[in-house]
Amino acid sequence: MAAPYKPNRDDAPGVPTRRAALRLLDAVLRRGQALEGALHNATQGLDHPSDRALAHAIAAQVLRRLADLDALIDSATRLPLPDDAKARTALRIALAQAILLETPPHAAISTVLPLVDGGPRKLVHGVFGTLMRQGATLPETPALPPIVAARWTAAWGAEMVAAAGRAIADQPPLDLSLKSDAVEHPDGVSLMPRHVRLPAGTGVRAAEGFGEGGWWVQDLAASLPARLLGDGAGRVLDLCAAPGGKTMQLAAAGWQVTALDVSESRLARLSDNLTRTGLSADVVVADALSWTPPEPFDAILIDAPCSATGIFRRHPDVLHRASPRVIAEARDIQAALLARAGDWVRPGGTIIYAVCSLEPEEGEAQVAALLDARKDFAVSPVTGGDLPGGIAPTAEGFVRTLPGMLADAGGLDGFFIARMTRNA
C-alpha cells in the first residue's frame, strides 16, 4: 500500500490538491488500484473536504478523457513523452482543469508546474501555452482507451463503442431501488416498479426518505438480477453479496436471504444498510470457494466478481485497469463459483448469474460452459415483461445491457444476466 500523502510545506495554495490528483492517477494507471480505493491515502493531509473532492474530480476527468488529452499533448511535442512520464501526467492535469473544469489557464498551469520540480518544467509550460494559444478543445465524444475500443468493437461493433464514448462523457443519473412503491422517496422518473431516477449529483443522505430506510442507491441494471427471481418463495443465497443492494431487494421481496461475502468490512456496510431499511438477512463471512451450505437453496443469485467494465460511467478507472490478465483472472473465479454453486441449488431451483462486465468471456461464455458441463441445468428465458421498456432479452433468453440502451432516459450500466433452472 502506498504511503499516505503528506503535502509539501512549501507548496503554494492549490498545489497540494494537484499533488493528490497526481498520486491518484499514479495509483490507477501504474499500480492498477481503484480510484475510490486510492482516494483515502492520496488525499491524507488535505485540510478541507472540498480539496479532496477537487483532487478526485481532476483525476476522474483525466481518466474519462485520457486518450483525447494524450492526443492533444502529442500534437504539441516533437517527440512523444513516455506514458508514465510525470511531465505527461502534469499536462493531463493542467489540460483537464483548463478545458473540462473551466479553471483559468494561469491557475491550471501554475498549480502543476511544482509537480515537475527537477524535471522538464519548461517543456510542460511550453506545451500547455502552445495548446492554450491554439484554443485547444476536446472532441465532443470521448475516445475510449485504444485496447478497450478494439476489444469492444470486435465483440459488439463500432456503434456500441461510439455509444460508450458518449456515455463516459458525463456523470450518470442516480438510481434508487425502493423497498416498496408506498415508501417515502424523492420525486423523480420511474422506469420500473420500485425504481426512481434522480439527476446526477443529487445528495443521498439529505434526500427524502433516506433516514426512514425506504430506499437505497442501486443502478437500474444492477437491480435486474434480483428482480428476475420475483417475489419470495423460500430460501435464497446471495453469493458475493456486499455491499448489499441485491440482498435488500430479495429481503423486501419476501425471500429468506443468506448473504455471503468474503469481505468482513463490506459485509459490515451491508449490515448497516439492513438496519437502516429494517430488512433482515443471515449474514455470513466466508469464501464461497471453500464454504459449503448446510442444505440446498431454492434459489441462488451469483453477482460474480468481474472486471467491472460495465460500470465505467461511474468509475472511469476500470477501463484503464481491466487488462487481459485481470479479465482472465476474473473469468477463472467466475467459473469456479458457478461450478460450486451448481450443487447448492435444489432440483427445480433457480440460479441467476450476473456480472457488471461488458466482456463476453465473463458473461455469455461462462453460461455456455456451464450448460455444456451440467446437463441438469437449462436456461429459463427472460421475457420482455421482466425488463424496463426499451430493453429486450437476447435470442437466448439472457439479458445484456449495453451502452446506448435507454440513452434518452439517462442510460444504464453494462450487465450480463442469465436465469437458469436445475432440472428436477
Protein backbone atom coordinates (compact mmCIF):
# COMPACT_ATOMS: atom_id res chain seq x y z
CA MET A 1 0.00 0.00 0.00
CA ALA A 2 1.25 3.48 -0.87
CA ALA A 3 2.33 5.76 1.95
CA PRO A 4 -0.23 8.39 2.94
CA TYR A 5 0.04 11.69 1.12
CA LYS A 6 1.86 14.42 3.03
CA PRO A 7 1.76 17.88 1.45
CA ASN A 8 4.98 19.80 0.95
CA ARG A 9 5.02 22.64 3.48
CA ASP A 10 6.48 24.96 0.83
CA ASP A 11 3.66 24.36 -1.66
CA ALA A 12 1.63 27.36 -2.76
CA PRO A 13 -2.15 27.22 -2.32
CA GLY A 14 -3.78 24.74 -4.68
CA VAL A 15 -0.64 22.71 -5.33
CA PRO A 16 -1.26 20.03 -2.64
CA THR A 17 -4.60 19.22 -4.27
CA ARG A 18 -2.88 18.70 -7.63
CA ARG A 19 -0.22 16.54 -5.97
CA ALA A 20 -3.05 14.41 -4.62
CA ALA A 21 -4.57 14.16 -8.10
CA LEU A 22 -1.16 13.09 -9.41
CA ARG A 23 -0.96 10.36 -6.78
CA LEU A 24 -4.46 9.18 -7.64
CA LEU A 25 -3.58 8.89 -11.31
CA ASP A 26 -0.37 7.07 -10.48
CA ALA A 27 -2.30 4.62 -8.30
CA VAL A 28 -4.73 3.83 -11.12
CA LEU A 29 -2.50 3.92 -14.19
CA ARG A 30 0.72 2.50 -12.82
CA ARG A 31 -0.36 0.33 -9.88
CA GLY A 32 -3.78 -0.77 -11.10
CA GLN A 33 -5.65 0.40 -7.99
CA ALA A 34 -9.26 1.50 -7.99
CA LEU A 35 -9.72 5.27 -7.92
CA GLU A 36 -12.06 5.14 -4.93
CA GLY A 37 -9.77 2.74 -3.09
CA ALA A 38 -6.76 5.01 -3.56
CA LEU A 39 -8.57 8.19 -2.51
CA HIS A 40 -8.01 7.94 1.25
CA ASN A 41 -4.24 7.58 1.10
CA ALA A 42 -3.73 10.04 -1.75
CA THR A 43 -5.62 12.85 -0.05
CA GLN A 44 -4.33 12.47 3.51
CA GLY A 45 -3.20 15.86 4.78
CA LEU A 46 -5.59 17.94 2.67
CA ASP A 47 -7.38 20.27 5.01
CA HIS A 48 -10.86 20.54 3.53
CA PRO A 49 -13.35 18.08 2.03
CA SER A 50 -13.60 20.42 -0.97
CA ASP A 51 -9.88 19.89 -1.65
CA ARG A 52 -10.34 16.11 -1.58
CA ALA A 53 -13.36 16.42 -3.85
CA LEU A 54 -11.40 18.55 -6.31
CA ALA A 55 -8.50 16.08 -6.40
CA HIS A 56 -10.97 13.31 -7.13
CA ALA A 57 -12.75 15.38 -9.80
CA ILE A 58 -9.48 16.22 -11.57
CA ALA A 59 -8.33 12.59 -11.59
CA ALA A 60 -11.74 11.34 -12.77
CA GLN A 61 -11.85 13.82 -15.64
CA VAL A 62 -8.35 12.85 -16.73
CA LEU A 63 -9.38 9.19 -16.73
CA ARG A 64 -12.57 9.92 -18.68
CA ARG A 65 -10.67 11.79 -21.40
CA LEU A 66 -7.20 10.23 -21.20
CA ALA A 67 -6.91 9.25 -24.87
CA ASP A 68 -8.05 12.68 -26.05
CA LEU A 69 -5.80 14.54 -23.62
CA ASP A 70 -2.82 12.47 -24.76
CA ALA A 71 -3.63 13.19 -28.39
CA LEU A 72 -3.54 16.94 -27.62
CA ILE A 73 -0.23 16.61 -25.80
CA ASP A 74 1.32 14.57 -28.61
CA SER A 75 0.20 17.16 -31.16
CA ALA A 76 2.36 19.78 -29.45
CA THR A 77 5.57 17.80 -28.75
CA ARG A 78 8.33 16.92 -31.19
CA LEU A 79 8.83 13.50 -29.61
CA PRO A 80 6.14 11.60 -27.67
CA LEU A 81 6.51 11.73 -23.92
CA PRO A 82 6.55 8.32 -22.19
CA ASP A 83 3.11 7.27 -20.99
CA ASP A 84 4.26 7.25 -17.36
CA ALA A 85 6.34 10.44 -17.53
CA LYS A 86 5.47 12.91 -14.77
CA ALA A 87 5.51 15.68 -17.38
CA ARG A 88 2.75 13.96 -19.35
CA THR A 89 0.63 13.46 -16.23
CA ALA A 90 1.15 17.07 -15.16
CA LEU A 91 -0.02 18.21 -18.60
CA ARG A 92 -3.04 15.93 -18.40
CA ILE A 93 -3.97 17.52 -15.07
CA ALA A 94 -3.46 21.08 -16.34
CA LEU A 95 -5.43 20.50 -19.55
CA ALA A 96 -8.29 18.72 -17.77
CA GLN A 97 -8.60 21.71 -15.45
CA ALA A 98 -8.48 24.33 -18.18
CA ILE A 99 -10.70 22.59 -20.73
CA LEU A 100 -13.07 20.45 -18.68
CA LEU A 101 -13.26 22.10 -15.25
CA GLU A 102 -13.06 25.71 -16.52
CA THR A 103 -10.08 26.57 -14.34
CA PRO A 104 -8.36 29.77 -15.55
CA PRO A 105 -5.34 28.68 -17.62
CA HIS A 106 -2.84 30.59 -15.46
CA ALA A 107 -4.11 28.76 -12.35
CA ALA A 108 -4.18 25.42 -14.15
CA ILE A 109 -0.52 25.62 -15.14
CA SER A 110 0.84 27.37 -12.03
CA THR A 111 -0.53 24.64 -9.76
CA VAL A 112 1.01 21.77 -11.77
CA LEU A 113 4.49 23.14 -12.53
CA PRO A 114 5.67 22.34 -8.96
CA LEU A 115 4.77 18.69 -9.68
CA VAL A 116 7.72 18.51 -12.09
CA ASP A 117 10.35 20.22 -9.94
CA GLY A 118 13.69 18.86 -11.05
CA GLY A 119 12.13 17.87 -14.35
CA PRO A 120 11.16 19.47 -17.68
CA ARG A 121 9.20 22.43 -16.35
CA LYS A 122 9.93 24.50 -19.47
CA LEU A 123 8.57 21.70 -21.64
CA VAL A 124 5.36 21.44 -19.63
CA HIS A 125 4.88 25.21 -19.61
CA GLY A 126 5.63 25.46 -23.32
CA VAL A 127 3.31 22.66 -24.42
CA PHE A 128 0.48 23.97 -22.26
CA GLY A 129 0.96 27.52 -23.52
CA THR A 130 1.02 26.38 -27.16
CA LEU A 131 -2.21 24.45 -26.76
CA MET A 132 -3.96 27.31 -24.97
CA ARG A 133 -2.93 29.79 -27.69
CA GLN A 134 -4.30 27.38 -30.28
CA GLY A 135 -7.63 27.30 -28.48
CA ALA A 136 -7.32 23.57 -27.83
CA THR A 137 -10.56 21.66 -27.36
CA LEU A 138 -11.51 18.04 -26.90
CA PRO A 139 -13.83 16.02 -29.15
CA GLU A 140 -17.50 16.12 -28.17
CA THR A 141 -17.49 12.32 -27.89
CA PRO A 142 -14.59 10.99 -25.79
CA ALA A 143 -12.33 8.34 -27.26
CA LEU A 144 -12.02 5.13 -25.26
CA PRO A 145 -8.61 3.64 -24.44
CA PRO A 146 -7.48 2.02 -27.71
CA ILE A 147 -7.24 -1.51 -26.29
CA VAL A 148 -10.80 -1.24 -24.91
CA ALA A 149 -12.16 0.23 -28.14
CA ALA A 150 -10.60 -2.60 -30.16
CA ARG A 151 -11.93 -5.27 -27.80
CA TRP A 152 -15.46 -3.89 -27.71
CA THR A 153 -15.55 -3.24 -31.46
CA ALA A 154 -14.76 -6.91 -32.03
CA ALA A 155 -17.41 -8.03 -29.53
CA TRP A 156 -20.22 -5.53 -30.05
CA GLY A 157 -19.47 -3.33 -33.05
CA ALA A 158 -18.48 0.26 -33.70
CA GLU A 159 -21.90 1.66 -32.80
CA MET A 160 -21.61 0.34 -29.25
CA VAL A 161 -18.12 1.85 -28.89
CA ALA A 162 -19.43 5.24 -30.02
CA ALA A 163 -22.29 4.97 -27.53
CA ALA A 164 -19.81 4.09 -24.77
CA GLY A 165 -17.83 7.22 -25.63
CA ARG A 166 -20.95 9.34 -25.28
CA ALA A 167 -21.83 7.61 -22.01
CA ILE A 168 -18.49 8.28 -20.34
CA ALA A 169 -18.58 11.99 -21.11
CA ASP A 170 -20.83 12.88 -18.19
CA GLN A 171 -21.80 11.69 -14.74
CA PRO A 172 -24.79 9.31 -14.94
CA PRO A 173 -28.06 9.88 -13.08
CA LEU A 174 -28.71 8.44 -9.62
CA ASP A 175 -30.98 5.40 -9.40
CA LEU A 176 -32.86 4.35 -6.28
CA SER A 177 -34.40 0.97 -5.53
CA LEU A 178 -37.48 1.27 -3.33
CA LYS A 179 -38.41 -1.16 -0.56
CA SER A 180 -41.98 -0.84 -1.85
CA ASP A 181 -43.85 1.61 -4.04
CA ALA A 182 -45.50 3.05 -0.92
CA VAL A 183 -42.34 4.31 0.83
CA GLU A 184 -41.33 7.94 1.10
CA HIS A 185 -38.81 8.84 -1.61
CA PRO A 186 -37.62 11.82 -3.65
CA ASP A 187 -39.58 12.78 -6.76
CA GLY A 188 -38.03 11.51 -9.95
CA VAL A 189 -38.59 9.42 -13.06
CA SER A 190 -39.66 5.80 -12.61
CA LEU A 191 -38.58 3.34 -15.31
CA MET A 192 -39.85 0.24 -13.47
CA PRO A 193 -41.88 -0.56 -10.37
CA ARG A 194 -39.92 0.22 -7.18
CA HIS A 195 -37.48 2.44 -9.08
CA VAL A 196 -36.79 6.18 -9.12
CA ARG A 197 -34.19 8.02 -11.21
CA LEU A 198 -32.77 11.34 -9.99
CA PRO A 199 -30.42 13.83 -11.67
CA ALA A 200 -26.66 13.32 -11.44
CA GLY A 201 -25.13 14.93 -8.37
CA THR A 202 -28.20 14.50 -6.15
CA GLY A 203 -27.19 14.32 -2.50
CA VAL A 204 -28.09 10.97 -1.00
CA ARG A 205 -28.22 11.34 2.77
CA ALA A 206 -30.22 14.53 2.64
CA ALA A 207 -32.74 13.11 0.16
CA GLU A 208 -36.33 12.47 1.21
CA GLY A 209 -36.84 9.10 2.88
CA PHE A 210 -33.16 8.16 3.39
CA GLY A 211 -33.35 8.20 7.18
CA GLU A 212 -36.60 6.24 7.11
CA GLY A 213 -34.88 3.46 5.17
CA GLY A 214 -37.34 3.22 2.30
CA TRP A 215 -34.74 3.06 -0.46
CA TRP A 216 -31.10 2.56 -1.38
CA VAL A 217 -28.85 3.63 -4.25
CA GLN A 218 -28.63 0.99 -6.99
CA ASP A 219 -28.18 1.37 -10.74
CA LEU A 220 -31.23 0.20 -12.68
CA ALA A 221 -29.22 -2.52 -14.44
CA ALA A 222 -27.85 -3.77 -11.11
CA SER A 223 -31.42 -4.16 -9.84
CA LEU A 224 -32.42 -6.54 -12.63
CA PRO A 225 -30.81 -9.81 -11.37
CA ALA A 226 -32.82 -9.86 -8.13
CA ARG A 227 -35.98 -8.77 -9.95
CA LEU A 228 -35.71 -11.89 -12.13
CA LEU A 229 -36.29 -14.09 -9.07
CA GLY A 230 -39.64 -12.45 -8.38
CA ASP A 231 -41.41 -12.46 -5.04
CA GLY A 232 -40.02 -14.63 -2.27
CA ALA A 233 -40.78 -18.32 -2.39
CA GLY A 234 -38.26 -19.84 0.01
CA ARG A 235 -34.56 -19.69 0.82
CA VAL A 236 -32.16 -17.77 -1.40
CA LEU A 237 -28.37 -17.39 -1.28
CA ASP A 238 -26.96 -14.03 -2.33
CA LEU A 239 -23.42 -15.02 -3.26
CA CYS A 240 -20.77 -12.25 -3.19
CA ALA A 241 -23.47 -10.14 -1.55
CA ALA A 242 -21.69 -6.96 -0.43
CA PRO A 243 -22.43 -4.08 -0.44
CA GLY A 244 -25.98 -5.39 -0.25
CA GLY A 245 -28.32 -3.85 -2.81
CA LYS A 246 -29.47 -7.23 -4.08
CA THR A 247 -29.74 -8.63 -0.56
CA MET A 248 -32.14 -5.82 0.35
CA GLN A 249 -34.14 -6.35 -2.84
CA LEU A 250 -34.54 -10.04 -2.09
CA ALA A 251 -35.45 -9.45 1.54
CA ALA A 252 -38.00 -6.80 0.53
CA ALA A 253 -39.50 -9.29 -1.94
CA GLY A 254 -40.10 -11.77 0.88
CA TRP A 255 -37.20 -14.17 0.45
CA GLN A 256 -35.37 -15.73 3.38
CA VAL A 257 -31.90 -14.47 2.48
CA THR A 258 -28.43 -15.77 3.29
CA ALA A 259 -25.94 -13.04 2.31
CA LEU A 260 -22.42 -14.40 1.88
CA ASP A 261 -19.24 -12.49 1.12
CA VAL A 262 -15.55 -12.92 1.83
CA SER A 263 -15.09 -9.28 2.92
CA GLU A 264 -15.98 -8.63 6.54
CA SER A 265 -15.68 -4.85 6.14
CA ARG A 266 -18.00 -4.78 3.12
CA LEU A 267 -20.49 -7.00 4.95
CA ALA A 268 -20.46 -4.50 7.82
CA ARG A 269 -21.75 -1.91 5.36
CA LEU A 270 -24.41 -4.41 4.24
CA SER A 271 -25.48 -4.93 7.85
CA ASP A 272 -25.72 -1.18 8.36
CA ASN A 273 -27.99 -0.92 5.32
CA LEU A 274 -30.17 -3.74 6.57
CA THR A 275 -30.55 -1.93 9.88
CA ARG A 276 -31.42 1.35 8.16
CA THR A 277 -34.02 -0.26 5.93
CA GLY A 278 -35.50 -2.54 8.58
CA LEU A 279 -34.83 -5.62 6.45
CA SER A 280 -33.21 -8.86 7.60
CA ALA A 281 -30.82 -11.46 6.25
CA ASP A 282 -28.48 -14.10 7.62
CA VAL A 283 -25.05 -12.53 7.03
CA VAL A 284 -22.16 -14.97 6.56
CA VAL A 285 -18.47 -14.06 6.25
CA ALA A 286 -16.87 -16.82 4.20
CA ASP A 287 -15.03 -17.63 0.99
CA ALA A 288 -17.51 -19.19 -1.42
CA LEU A 289 -14.72 -21.29 -2.92
CA SER A 290 -14.30 -23.17 0.39
CA TRP A 291 -17.68 -22.70 2.14
CA THR A 292 -20.41 -25.34 1.92
CA PRO A 293 -24.06 -24.65 2.83
CA PRO A 294 -25.80 -26.90 5.34
CA GLU A 295 -28.64 -27.60 2.88
CA PRO A 296 -29.59 -26.68 -0.71
CA PHE A 297 -31.27 -23.39 -1.52
CA ASP A 298 -34.40 -22.73 -3.53
CA ALA A 299 -32.54 -20.06 -5.48
CA ILE A 300 -29.03 -18.63 -5.75
CA LEU A 301 -28.04 -15.22 -7.04
CA ILE A 302 -24.39 -15.04 -8.12
CA ASP A 303 -23.27 -11.46 -8.68
CA ALA A 304 -19.79 -12.66 -9.51
CA PRO A 305 -16.51 -10.79 -9.11
CA CYS A 306 -15.61 -9.41 -12.52
CA SER A 307 -13.60 -6.83 -14.43
CA ALA A 308 -16.44 -4.32 -13.74
CA THR A 309 -16.06 -2.75 -17.17
CA GLY A 310 -19.83 -2.26 -17.25
CA ILE A 311 -19.71 0.45 -14.58
CA PHE A 312 -17.27 2.68 -16.49
CA ARG A 313 -19.71 5.62 -16.49
CA ARG A 314 -19.40 5.97 -12.72
CA HIS A 315 -15.89 4.55 -12.40
CA PRO A 316 -13.83 5.50 -15.48
CA ASP A 317 -10.74 3.99 -13.90
CA VAL A 318 -11.99 0.46 -14.68
CA LEU A 319 -11.23 0.97 -18.37
CA HIS A 320 -7.58 1.57 -17.52
CA ARG A 321 -7.31 -1.27 -15.00
CA ALA A 322 -9.20 -4.09 -16.76
CA SER A 323 -6.26 -5.63 -18.58
CA PRO A 324 -6.48 -9.02 -20.31
CA ARG A 325 -4.82 -10.51 -17.20
CA VAL A 326 -7.47 -9.03 -14.90
CA ILE A 327 -10.25 -10.30 -17.16
CA ALA A 328 -8.71 -13.78 -17.30
CA GLU A 329 -8.34 -13.94 -13.51
CA ALA A 330 -11.97 -12.89 -13.04
CA ARG A 331 -13.09 -15.47 -15.60
CA ASP A 332 -11.37 -18.26 -13.65
CA ILE A 333 -13.03 -17.23 -10.37
CA GLN A 334 -16.44 -16.99 -12.06
CA ALA A 335 -16.12 -20.48 -13.50
CA ALA A 336 -15.16 -21.88 -10.09
CA LEU A 337 -18.11 -20.15 -8.38
CA LEU A 338 -20.57 -21.44 -10.96
CA ALA A 339 -19.19 -24.98 -10.66
CA ARG A 340 -19.61 -24.97 -6.86
CA ALA A 341 -22.95 -23.18 -6.71
CA GLY A 342 -24.50 -25.60 -9.18
CA ASP A 343 -24.58 -28.21 -6.43
CA TRP A 344 -26.09 -25.83 -3.86
CA VAL A 345 -29.46 -25.27 -5.51
CA ARG A 346 -32.18 -27.89 -5.15
CA PRO A 347 -33.62 -29.67 -8.21
CA GLY A 348 -36.27 -27.37 -9.62
CA GLY A 349 -34.49 -24.36 -8.14
CA THR A 350 -33.12 -21.31 -9.93
CA ILE A 351 -29.69 -19.76 -10.39
CA ILE A 352 -29.23 -16.17 -11.50
CA TYR A 353 -25.73 -15.46 -12.82
CA ALA A 354 -24.80 -11.79 -13.27
CA VAL A 355 -21.71 -9.70 -13.93
CA CYS A 356 -21.31 -5.94 -14.36
CA SER A 357 -18.95 -6.61 -17.25
CA LEU A 358 -19.06 -5.88 -20.96
CA GLU A 359 -16.68 -8.74 -21.74
CA PRO A 360 -18.40 -11.75 -23.39
CA GLU A 361 -15.95 -14.20 -21.82
CA GLU A 362 -17.24 -13.17 -18.39
CA GLY A 363 -20.89 -13.45 -19.38
CA GLU A 364 -22.19 -15.41 -22.35
CA ALA A 365 -19.15 -17.70 -22.49
CA GLN A 366 -19.40 -18.59 -18.79
CA VAL A 367 -23.02 -19.67 -19.07
CA ALA A 368 -22.35 -21.61 -22.27
CA ALA A 369 -19.58 -23.52 -20.48
CA LEU A 370 -21.82 -24.29 -17.50
CA LEU A 371 -24.67 -25.54 -19.69
CA ASP A 372 -22.23 -27.69 -21.64
CA ALA A 373 -20.79 -29.23 -18.47
CA ARG A 374 -24.03 -29.52 -16.48
CA LYS A 375 -26.83 -31.16 -18.45
CA ASP A 376 -29.07 -30.79 -15.39
CA PHE A 377 -29.28 -27.03 -15.99
CA ALA A 378 -31.32 -25.23 -18.63
CA VAL A 379 -31.94 -21.58 -19.46
CA SER A 380 -35.12 -20.13 -18.00
CA PRO A 381 -35.64 -17.43 -20.63
CA VAL A 382 -36.20 -13.85 -19.53
CA THR A 383 -39.19 -12.17 -21.16
CA GLY A 384 -39.70 -8.57 -22.11
CA GLY A 385 -42.17 -8.16 -19.26
CA ASP A 386 -39.35 -8.73 -16.77
CA LEU A 387 -37.40 -5.72 -18.05
CA PRO A 388 -37.76 -1.93 -18.33
CA GLY A 389 -39.23 -0.60 -21.55
CA GLY A 390 -36.55 -0.31 -24.21
CA ILE A 391 -34.58 -3.35 -23.02
CA ALA A 392 -35.25 -6.67 -24.74
CA PRO A 393 -33.90 -10.14 -23.89
CA THR A 394 -31.37 -11.70 -26.23
CA ALA A 395 -32.36 -14.50 -28.59
CA GLU A 396 -31.08 -16.99 -25.98
CA GLY A 397 -33.27 -15.50 -23.26
CA PHE A 398 -30.42 -13.69 -21.49
CA VAL A 399 -30.18 -10.02 -20.53
CA ARG A 400 -27.32 -7.98 -21.99
CA THR A 401 -27.39 -4.25 -21.29
CA LEU A 402 -25.04 -2.17 -23.44
CA PRO A 403 -24.04 1.48 -23.74
CA GLY A 404 -26.63 3.31 -25.79
CA MET A 405 -29.62 1.49 -24.29
CA LEU A 406 -32.09 3.90 -22.65
CA ALA A 407 -29.70 6.72 -23.60
CA ASP A 408 -32.53 9.26 -23.85
CA ALA A 409 -33.57 8.38 -20.28
CA GLY A 410 -30.05 8.58 -18.83
CA GLY A 411 -28.68 5.15 -19.81
CA LEU A 412 -27.67 2.33 -17.51
CA ASP A 413 -24.66 0.23 -16.59
CA GLY A 414 -23.42 -2.68 -18.69
CA PHE A 415 -24.58 -6.05 -17.33
CA PHE A 416 -24.96 -9.67 -18.35
CA ILE A 417 -27.66 -11.74 -16.60
CA ALA A 418 -28.74 -15.34 -17.14
CA ARG A 419 -31.54 -17.17 -15.36
CA MET A 420 -31.20 -20.97 -15.22
CA THR A 421 -33.18 -23.79 -13.66
CA ARG A 422 -31.82 -27.04 -12.30
CA ASN A 423 -33.86 -29.86 -13.72
CA ALA A 424 -35.76 -31.97 -11.22
